[in-house]
């Protein structure tokens, strides 16, 4: 079973400790906050298991690459 904690643990293992997946109302979003910079990116799915873990990790990696490119 896919849980938000499992997704976040996997995200932190491959990207950054500063990225977190959060549940909004009717969507999920990534938050990056390292104390100096704050950024978000939305993923418009209603339920966590609408995407497999591999897709969540891909989305997180894309978000992290964008953050790194802007620094």
C-alpha atoms as a PDB file:
ATOM      1  CA  UNK A   1       0.000   0.000   0.000  1.00  0.00           C
ATOM      2  CA  UNK A   2       1.305   3.405  -0.983  1.00  0.00           C
ATOM      3  CA  UNK A   3       1.407   5.998   1.800  1.00  0.00           C
ATOM      4  CA  UNK A   4       2.541   9.603   1.820  1.00  0.00           C
ATOM      5  CA  UNK A   5       5.234   8.701   4.377  1.00  0.00           C
ATOM      6  CA  UNK A   6       6.610   6.003   2.088  1.00  0.00           C
ATOM      7  CA  UNK A   7       6.686   8.397  -0.850  1.00  0.00           C
ATOM      8  CA  UNK A   8       8.398  11.094   1.239  1.00  0.00           C
ATOM      9  CA  UNK A   9      11.021   8.653   2.547  1.00  0.00           C
ATOM     10  CA  UNK A  10      11.848   7.566  -0.998  1.00  0.00           C
ATOM     11  CA  UNK A  11      11.912  11.177  -2.234  1.00  0.00           C
ATOM     12  CA  UNK A  12      14.342  12.232   0.490  1.00  0.00           C
ATOM     13  CA  UNK A  13      16.577   9.244  -0.237  1.00  0.00           C
ATOM     14  CA  UNK A  14      17.051  10.190  -3.896  1.00  0.00           C
ATOM     15  CA  UNK A  15      16.682  13.998  -3.968  1.00  0.00           C
ATOM     16  CA  UNK A  16      16.901  16.214  -0.908  1.00  0.00           C
ATOM     17  CA  UNK A  17      15.853  16.264   2.713  1.00  0.00           C
ATOM     18  CA  UNK A  18      14.181  19.603   1.993  1.00  0.00           C
ATOM     19  CA  UNK A  19      11.503  18.203  -0.348  1.00  0.00           C
ATOM     20  CA  UNK A  20       8.184  16.961   0.974  1.00  0.00           C
ATOM     21  CA  UNK A  21       4.999  15.728  -0.683  1.00  0.00           C
ATOM     22  CA  UNK A  22       1.911  17.288   0.914  1.00  0.00           C
ATOM     23  CA  UNK A  23      -1.797  16.593   0.425  1.00  0.00           C
ATOM     24  CA  UNK A  24      -3.938  19.557  -0.541  1.00  0.00           C
ATOM     25  CA  UNK A  25      -7.689  19.618  -1.220  1.00  0.00           C
ATOM     26  CA  UNK A  26      -8.108  17.533  -4.361  1.00  0.00           C
ATOM     27  CA  UNK A  27      -4.432  17.545  -5.301  1.00  0.00           C
ATOM     28  CA  UNK A  28      -0.937  16.907  -3.974  1.00  0.00           C
ATOM     29  CA  UNK A  29       2.031  19.217  -4.070  1.00  0.00           C
ATOM     30  CA  UNK A  30       5.754  19.208  -3.451  1.00  0.00           C
ATOM     31  CA  UNK A  31       7.307  21.718  -1.083  1.00  0.00           C
ATOM     32  CA  UNK A  32      10.969  22.659  -1.100  1.00  0.00           C
ATOM     33  CA  UNK A  33      12.134  24.671   1.923  1.00  0.00           C
ATOM     34  CA  UNK A  34      15.778  24.816   2.953  1.00  0.00           C
ATOM     35  CA  UNK A  35      15.393  27.906   5.127  1.00  0.00           C
ATOM     36  CA  UNK A  36      16.640  30.209   2.375  1.00  0.00           C
ATOM     37  CA  UNK A  37      14.379  29.239  -0.463  1.00  0.00           C
ATOM     38  CA  UNK A  38      10.755  28.132  -0.644  1.00  0.00           C
ATOM     39  CA  UNK A  39       9.085  26.683  -3.720  1.00  0.00           C
ATOM     40  CA  UNK A  40       6.124  24.446  -4.563  1.00  0.00           C
ATOM     41  CA  UNK A  41       4.885  22.362  -7.492  1.00  0.00           C
ATOM     42  CA  UNK A  42       1.424  20.805  -7.819  1.00  0.00           C
ATOM     43  CA  UNK A  43       0.394  17.374  -9.057  1.00  0.00           C
ATOM     44  CA  UNK A  44      -3.304  17.241  -9.885  1.00  0.00           C
ATOM     45  CA  UNK A  45      -4.453  13.831  -8.714  1.00  0.00           C
ATOM     46  CA  UNK A  46      -7.191  13.187  -6.147  1.00  0.00           C
ATOM     47  CA  UNK A  47      -5.695  10.068  -4.583  1.00  0.00           C
ATOM     48  CA  UNK A  48      -2.107   9.123  -3.841  1.00  0.00           C
ATOM     49  CA  UNK A  49      -2.459   5.748  -5.575  1.00  0.00           C
ATOM     50  CA  UNK A  50      -3.538   7.340  -8.855  1.00  0.00           C
ATOM     51  CA  UNK A  51       0.183   7.360  -9.594  1.00  0.00           C
ATOM     52  CA  UNK A  52       2.613   4.530  -8.864  1.00  0.00           C
ATOM     53  CA  UNK A  53       5.616   5.205  -6.631  1.00  0.00           C
ATOM     54  CA  UNK A  54       7.891   5.385  -9.676  1.00  0.00           C
ATOM     55  CA  UNK A  55       5.836   8.278 -11.095  1.00  0.00           C
ATOM     56  CA  UNK A  56       5.872  10.174  -7.794  1.00  0.00           C
ATOM     57  CA  UNK A  57       9.643   9.828  -7.686  1.00  0.00           C
ATOM     58  CA  UNK A  58       9.931  11.020 -11.281  1.00  0.00           C
ATOM     59  CA  UNK A  59       7.814  14.094 -10.487  1.00  0.00           C
ATOM     60  CA  UNK A  60       9.927  14.798  -7.395  1.00  0.00           C
ATOM     61  CA  UNK A  61      13.166  14.477  -9.375  1.00  0.00           C
ATOM     62  CA  UNK A  62      11.865  16.896 -12.023  1.00  0.00           C
ATOM     63  CA  UNK A  63      10.878  19.383  -9.315  1.00  0.00           C
ATOM     64  CA  UNK A  64      14.299  19.044  -7.645  1.00  0.00           C
ATOM     65  CA  UNK A  65      16.097  19.511 -10.979  1.00  0.00           C
ATOM     66  CA  UNK A  66      14.149  22.742 -11.509  1.00  0.00           C
ATOM     67  CA  UNK A  67      15.096  23.966  -8.031  1.00  0.00           C
ATOM     68  CA  UNK A  68      18.784  23.177  -8.616  1.00  0.00           C
ATOM     69  CA  UNK A  69      18.779  24.851 -12.043  1.00  0.00           C
ATOM     70  CA  UNK A  70      17.413  28.108 -10.626  1.00  0.00           C
ATOM     71  CA  UNK A  71      19.955  28.371  -7.784  1.00  0.00           C
END
